[in-house]
Amino acid sequence: MGPCLRRDDEKKDKMASLKALKIRIGSVKSTQKITKAMKMVAAAKLRRAQEAAVAGRPYAERLEGVVASLARTVGVGASPLLAGTGKDQVHLLVVATSERGLAGAFNTNIVRAARRKAEELEAAGKTVRFYIAGKKGRVMKRFYPTGIVADHDLSEMKTASFDAAKDIADDLITRFKAGEFDVAHLFYARFQSALVQEPIGAQIIPVAIPHVKGAKAANDADATVEYEPSEEAILDDLLPRNVAIQIFRALLENAASEQGSRMTAMDNATRNAGDMIKRLSIQYNRARQAAITTELVEIISGAEAL
């Protein structure tokens, strides 16, 4: 092969390299536009989701307090949802996640918290089952292929709704009364800020009654409260509602946490894309300048030879 043919091949290789770099820069720019748009959408959704999550907290906490007050008055034996099955062997972990990805470590942290709890229970000799609520929680099937008892579809739920929470609560209560499990724990992400979402695991069945220090504190809390028709009747109505409300709170917290995590993840992706574009642009300009310099040297050499 002569020198001219070799130079032609080198030129083709350089041109192909420049074209590949240009295509890659264009691709990264397109990706950057998408991540920037997703960040803006997540930021818009975050405000509404955050307001809903914060507004729902006082109601859920107050309902827990009312149920606790009634339970102390009537006694935990008034309902199976308070007393439990009398056993502590089969634990059901309700893993609430999102339907979509691209939300940073939001879903991963919830699944990791559930797995840690499962490992602790198994180490104590307990039987663990999983109830999946949200598409991204299906990753649990890889770790516990035979431990999934239900996969509740939330794909039709555009925003967190009480109806969806009530459907899950009714299903859980039915399974509890049928003796499928003894204790149910709910896992979700509590929203703190766009940068921080805390994985939470809370017992929802049987309803956990917070301890009050001293009998006098409990009596004082109930002294001025009169219930109509009766504490037992109200408790029977409130206990299933309380389970639904706690699940609804989890859905609200998840909605805000998902958008906050997605906004942060898309912001990081946009910044990383910008850094990559800068590096590729420098590489492209250097390669282009080298190709131009080579061509000028060849032209000058050819002119001198003439």
Protein backbone atom coordinates (compact mmCIF):
# COMPACT_ATOMS: atom_id res chain seq x y z
CA MET A 1 0.00 0.00 0.00
CA GLY A 2 1.42 3.33 -1.01
CA PRO A 3 1.76 6.47 1.13
CA CYS A 4 -1.17 8.16 -0.62
CA LEU A 5 -3.55 5.29 0.12
CA ARG A 6 -2.46 5.23 3.75
CA ARG A 7 -3.12 8.94 4.10
CA ASP A 8 -6.55 8.54 2.51
CA ASP A 9 -7.43 5.80 5.00
CA GLU A 10 -6.25 7.97 7.89
CA LYS A 11 -8.39 10.85 6.63
CA LYS A 12 -11.45 8.59 6.45
CA ASP A 13 -10.83 7.33 9.99
CA LYS A 14 -10.51 10.88 11.31
CA MET A 15 -13.65 12.00 9.50
CA ALA A 16 -15.55 8.98 10.86
CA SER A 17 -14.29 9.80 14.37
CA LEU A 18 -15.40 13.43 14.03
CA LYS A 19 -18.81 12.37 12.76
CA ALA A 20 -19.24 9.91 15.66
CA LEU A 21 -18.32 12.63 18.17
CA LYS A 22 -20.77 15.05 16.59
CA ILE A 23 -23.57 12.48 16.70
CA ARG A 24 -22.80 11.68 20.33
CA ILE A 25 -22.83 15.37 21.29
CA GLY A 26 -26.22 15.76 19.63
CA SER A 27 -27.54 12.70 21.44
CA VAL A 28 -26.39 13.98 24.83
CA LYS A 29 -27.92 17.39 24.12
CA SER A 30 -31.25 15.71 23.33
CA THR A 31 -31.03 13.74 26.56
CA GLN A 32 -30.25 16.94 28.47
CA LYS A 33 -33.38 18.60 27.09
CA ILE A 34 -35.48 15.62 28.23
CA THR A 35 -34.01 15.54 31.75
CA LYS A 36 -34.44 19.30 32.08
CA ALA A 37 -38.08 19.05 31.04
CA MET A 38 -38.66 16.14 33.47
CA LYS A 39 -37.11 18.19 36.28
CA MET A 40 -39.50 21.07 35.59
CA VAL A 41 -42.51 18.74 35.48
CA ALA A 42 -41.45 17.07 38.75
CA ALA A 43 -40.98 20.48 40.39
CA ALA A 44 -44.49 21.51 39.36
CA LYS A 45 -46.01 18.26 40.67
CA LEU A 46 -43.93 18.37 43.86
CA ARG A 47 -45.60 21.49 45.21
CA ARG A 48 -49.09 20.02 44.99
CA ALA A 49 -47.98 16.63 46.30
CA GLN A 50 -46.11 18.23 49.21
CA GLU A 51 -49.13 20.32 50.20
CA ALA A 52 -51.34 17.22 50.14
CA ALA A 53 -48.87 15.17 52.22
CA VAL A 54 -48.43 17.89 54.84
CA ALA A 55 -52.19 18.52 55.03
CA GLY A 56 -52.88 14.81 55.57
CA ARG A 57 -50.49 14.34 58.49
CA PRO A 58 -52.54 16.03 61.26
CA TYR A 59 -55.69 14.06 60.37
CA ALA A 60 -53.86 10.72 60.37
CA GLU A 61 -52.06 11.52 63.62
CA ARG A 62 -55.24 12.73 65.32
CA LEU A 63 -57.13 9.62 64.24
CA GLU A 64 -54.38 7.48 65.74
CA GLY A 65 -54.78 9.42 68.97
CA VAL A 66 -58.57 8.93 69.05
CA VAL A 67 -58.21 5.20 68.40
CA ALA A 68 -55.57 4.94 71.14
CA SER A 69 -57.82 6.81 73.56
CA LEU A 70 -60.78 4.54 72.83
CA ALA A 71 -58.61 1.42 73.06
CA ARG A 72 -57.37 2.43 76.51
CA THR A 73 -60.96 2.97 77.62
CA VAL A 74 -62.54 -0.14 76.12
CA GLY A 75 -59.51 -2.44 76.16
CA VAL A 76 -57.53 -4.02 73.33
CA GLY A 77 -59.69 -7.14 73.47
CA ALA A 78 -62.62 -5.23 71.97
CA SER A 79 -61.54 -6.00 68.40
CA PRO A 80 -59.17 -8.40 66.61
CA LEU A 81 -57.64 -5.38 64.86
CA LEU A 82 -56.43 -4.30 68.31
CA ALA A 83 -55.82 -7.62 70.03
CA GLY A 84 -54.37 -9.42 67.01
CA THR A 85 -54.56 -13.15 66.49
CA GLY A 86 -52.74 -13.98 69.70
CA LYS A 87 -49.72 -15.09 67.65
CA ASP A 88 -46.67 -13.34 66.25
CA GLN A 89 -45.44 -15.86 63.70
CA VAL A 90 -46.49 -14.72 60.20
CA HIS A 91 -45.57 -11.15 59.26
CA LEU A 92 -46.88 -9.41 56.14
CA LEU A 93 -44.72 -6.56 54.80
CA VAL A 94 -46.74 -4.11 52.69
CA VAL A 95 -44.24 -2.45 50.32
CA ALA A 96 -45.68 0.76 48.82
CA THR A 97 -43.65 2.12 45.89
CA SER A 98 -44.26 4.13 42.72
CA GLU A 99 -45.38 2.95 39.31
CA ARG A 100 -42.59 4.77 37.47
CA GLY A 101 -38.83 4.85 37.71
CA LEU A 102 -36.28 7.63 37.06
CA ALA A 103 -36.75 8.79 40.64
CA GLY A 104 -33.27 8.33 42.04
CA ALA A 105 -33.03 6.04 45.06
CA PHE A 106 -36.67 6.58 46.13
CA ASN A 107 -37.95 3.08 45.35
CA THR A 108 -34.65 1.39 46.16
CA ASN A 109 -34.61 2.81 49.70
CA ILE A 110 -38.14 1.57 50.43
CA VAL A 111 -37.34 -1.93 49.13
CA ARG A 112 -34.08 -1.98 51.08
CA ALA A 113 -35.87 -1.05 54.31
CA ALA A 114 -38.41 -3.84 53.75
CA ARG A 115 -35.64 -6.35 53.06
CA ARG A 116 -33.81 -5.37 56.25
CA LYS A 117 -36.98 -5.90 58.25
CA ALA A 118 -37.57 -9.25 56.55
CA GLU A 119 -34.04 -10.39 57.37
CA GLU A 120 -34.51 -9.40 61.02
CA LEU A 121 -37.79 -11.30 61.26
CA GLU A 122 -36.40 -14.38 59.54
CA ALA A 123 -33.41 -14.34 61.86
CA ALA A 124 -35.89 -14.42 64.75
CA GLY A 125 -37.58 -17.48 63.24
CA LYS A 126 -40.63 -15.67 61.84
CA THR A 127 -42.39 -16.33 58.52
CA VAL A 128 -42.34 -13.34 56.18
CA ARG A 129 -44.74 -12.58 53.33
CA PHE A 130 -44.94 -9.54 51.04
CA TYR A 131 -47.84 -7.46 49.75
CA ILE A 132 -46.73 -5.29 46.80
CA ALA A 133 -48.46 -1.95 46.12
CA GLY A 134 -46.77 -0.27 43.16
CA LYS A 135 -44.96 -1.57 40.09
CA LYS A 136 -41.44 -0.84 41.32
CA GLY A 137 -41.95 -3.00 44.38
CA ARG A 138 -42.09 -6.08 42.17
CA VAL A 139 -38.32 -6.27 42.41
CA MET A 140 -39.00 -8.13 45.68
CA LYS A 141 -39.90 -11.15 43.55
CA ARG A 142 -36.22 -11.55 42.70
CA PHE A 143 -35.32 -11.95 46.38
CA TYR A 144 -38.48 -13.73 47.59
CA PRO A 145 -40.04 -15.45 44.55
CA THR A 146 -42.45 -17.51 46.64
CA GLY A 147 -43.15 -14.93 49.34
CA ILE A 148 -45.41 -12.54 47.40
CA VAL A 149 -49.06 -12.98 48.39
CA ALA A 150 -50.48 -10.06 46.37
CA ASP A 151 -49.46 -7.49 43.76
CA HIS A 152 -51.88 -4.55 44.00
CA ASP A 153 -52.01 -2.59 40.75
CA LEU A 154 -51.82 1.20 41.16
CA SER A 155 -51.26 2.03 37.48
CA GLU A 156 -54.76 3.52 37.12
CA MET A 157 -54.18 5.87 40.07
CA LYS A 158 -53.08 9.25 38.66
CA THR A 159 -52.88 10.90 42.09
CA ALA A 160 -52.97 9.45 45.60
CA SER A 161 -56.60 8.72 46.44
CA PHE A 162 -58.44 7.49 49.51
CA ASP A 163 -60.38 5.00 47.39
CA ALA A 164 -57.15 3.24 46.38
CA ALA A 165 -56.00 3.21 50.01
CA LYS A 166 -59.37 1.80 51.15
CA ASP A 167 -59.17 -0.99 48.56
CA ILE A 168 -55.78 -2.02 49.92
CA ALA A 169 -56.98 -1.72 53.54
CA ASP A 170 -60.11 -3.82 52.88
CA ASP A 171 -58.00 -6.50 51.20
CA LEU A 172 -55.54 -6.56 54.10
CA ILE A 173 -58.29 -6.75 56.73
CA THR A 174 -60.00 -9.58 54.82
CA ARG A 175 -56.72 -11.52 54.66
CA PHE A 176 -56.10 -10.83 58.36
CA LYS A 177 -59.52 -12.13 59.37
CA ALA A 178 -58.92 -15.20 57.20
CA GLY A 179 -55.79 -15.94 59.23
CA GLU A 180 -53.26 -15.39 56.42
CA PHE A 181 -50.96 -13.36 58.67
CA ASP A 182 -50.59 -12.19 62.27
CA VAL A 183 -48.90 -8.79 61.90
CA ALA A 184 -48.76 -6.32 58.99
CA HIS A 185 -46.10 -3.66 58.52
CA LEU A 186 -46.33 -0.80 56.02
CA PHE A 187 -43.23 0.53 54.25
CA TYR A 188 -43.13 3.88 52.45
CA ALA A 189 -41.00 7.05 52.22
CA ARG A 190 -41.82 9.99 54.48
CA PHE A 191 -41.25 13.27 52.67
CA GLN A 192 -38.90 15.72 54.38
CA SER A 193 -37.55 17.76 51.49
CA ALA A 194 -36.71 17.44 47.80
CA LEU A 195 -33.33 16.09 48.89
CA VAL A 196 -34.42 13.90 51.80
CA GLN A 197 -37.03 11.13 51.83
CA GLU A 198 -36.94 8.87 54.88
CA PRO A 199 -37.93 5.18 54.50
CA ILE A 200 -40.52 4.32 57.15
CA GLY A 201 -41.74 0.98 58.45
CA ALA A 202 -44.84 1.07 60.68
CA GLN A 203 -47.11 -1.64 62.10
CA ILE A 204 -50.70 -1.15 60.92
CA ILE A 205 -52.34 -4.49 61.85
CA PRO A 206 -52.97 -5.03 64.70
CA VAL A 207 -53.21 -1.29 65.32
CA ALA A 208 -50.25 -0.21 67.44
CA ILE A 209 -51.35 1.67 70.57
CA PRO A 210 -48.80 4.26 71.74
CA HIS A 211 -47.87 3.96 75.41
CA VAL A 212 -48.89 6.79 77.73
CA LYS A 213 -46.71 7.32 80.78
CA GLY A 214 -48.83 6.88 83.87
CA ALA A 215 -52.47 5.98 84.25
CA LYS A 216 -53.32 9.56 85.23
CA ALA A 217 -52.24 10.86 81.81
CA ALA A 218 -54.59 8.42 80.11
CA ASN A 219 -57.48 9.29 82.44
CA ASP A 220 -56.93 13.01 81.96
CA ALA A 221 -56.95 12.57 78.19
CA ASP A 222 -60.36 10.84 78.33
CA ALA A 223 -61.94 12.76 81.21
CA THR A 224 -63.79 15.36 79.16
CA VAL A 225 -64.71 13.12 76.20
CA GLU A 226 -68.13 11.51 75.86
CA TYR A 227 -68.86 9.12 72.99
CA GLU A 228 -72.21 8.46 71.37
CA PRO A 229 -73.54 5.81 70.75
CA SER A 230 -70.77 3.91 72.58
CA GLU A 231 -67.02 3.51 72.62
CA GLU A 232 -67.27 -0.04 71.27
CA ALA A 233 -69.46 0.92 68.30
CA ILE A 234 -67.27 3.89 67.39
CA LEU A 235 -64.13 1.80 67.73
CA ASP A 236 -65.51 -0.87 65.38
CA ASP A 237 -66.08 1.83 62.77
CA LEU A 238 -62.80 3.69 63.31
CA LEU A 239 -60.38 0.75 63.30
CA PRO A 240 -60.82 -0.21 59.60
CA ARG A 241 -60.91 3.50 58.71
CA ASN A 242 -57.68 4.03 60.63
CA VAL A 243 -55.93 1.33 58.59
CA ALA A 244 -57.16 2.96 55.37
CA ILE A 245 -56.07 6.42 56.55
CA GLN A 246 -52.57 5.22 57.44
CA ILE A 247 -52.23 3.66 53.98
CA PHE A 248 -53.60 6.87 52.42
CA ARG A 249 -50.99 8.86 54.32
CA ALA A 250 -48.31 6.52 52.96
CA LEU A 251 -49.56 7.08 49.40
CA LEU A 252 -49.52 10.86 49.92
CA GLU A 253 -46.03 10.78 51.42
CA ASN A 254 -44.84 8.55 48.58
CA ALA A 255 -46.28 10.90 45.95
CA ALA A 256 -44.37 13.86 47.38
CA SER A 257 -41.20 11.83 47.95
CA GLU A 258 -41.28 10.45 44.41
CA GLN A 259 -41.51 13.89 42.82
CA GLY A 260 -38.84 15.32 45.11
CA SER A 261 -36.48 12.46 44.37
CA ARG A 262 -37.21 12.65 40.64
CA MET A 263 -36.59 16.40 40.57
CA THR A 264 -33.23 15.93 42.29
CA ALA A 265 -32.27 13.01 40.05
CA MET A 266 -33.18 14.89 36.85
CA ASP A 267 -31.28 17.96 38.04
CA ASN A 268 -28.18 15.82 38.60
CA ALA A 269 -28.67 14.15 35.21
CA THR A 270 -28.96 17.55 33.50
CA ARG A 271 -25.75 18.75 35.15
CA ASN A 272 -23.92 15.55 34.23
CA ALA A 273 -25.11 15.87 30.64
CA GLY A 274 -23.78 19.43 30.55
CA ASP A 275 -20.38 18.28 31.82
CA MET A 276 -20.30 15.49 29.23
CA ILE A 277 -21.17 17.91 26.43
CA LYS A 278 -18.28 20.15 27.47
CA ARG A 279 -15.82 17.24 27.48
CA LEU A 280 -17.03 15.91 24.12
CA SER A 281 -16.97 19.39 22.59
CA ILE A 282 -13.34 19.86 23.65
CA GLN A 283 -12.49 16.43 22.25
CA TYR A 284 -14.31 17.23 18.99
CA ASN A 285 -12.62 20.62 18.59
CA ARG A 286 -9.18 19.14 19.21
CA ALA A 287 -9.77 16.33 16.70
CA ARG A 288 -11.13 18.80 14.14
CA GLN A 289 -8.19 21.15 14.63
CA ALA A 290 -5.78 18.26 14.23
CA ALA A 291 -7.49 17.22 10.99
CA ILE A 292 -7.33 20.79 9.65
CA THR A 293 -3.67 21.08 10.60
CA THR A 294 -2.89 17.81 8.85
CA GLU A 295 -4.63 18.96 5.66
CA LEU A 296 -2.78 22.31 5.71
CA VAL A 297 0.54 20.53 6.12
CA GLU A 298 -0.27 18.25 3.15
CA ILE A 299 -1.31 21.22 0.97
CA ILE A 300 1.85 23.17 1.84
CA SER A 301 4.02 20.09 1.27
CA GLY A 302 2.37 19.49 -2.11
CA ALA A 303 2.83 23.13 -3.15
CA GLU A 304 6.52 23.03 -2.20
CA ALA A 305 7.00 19.80 -4.19
CA LEU A 306 5.69 21.56 -7.28
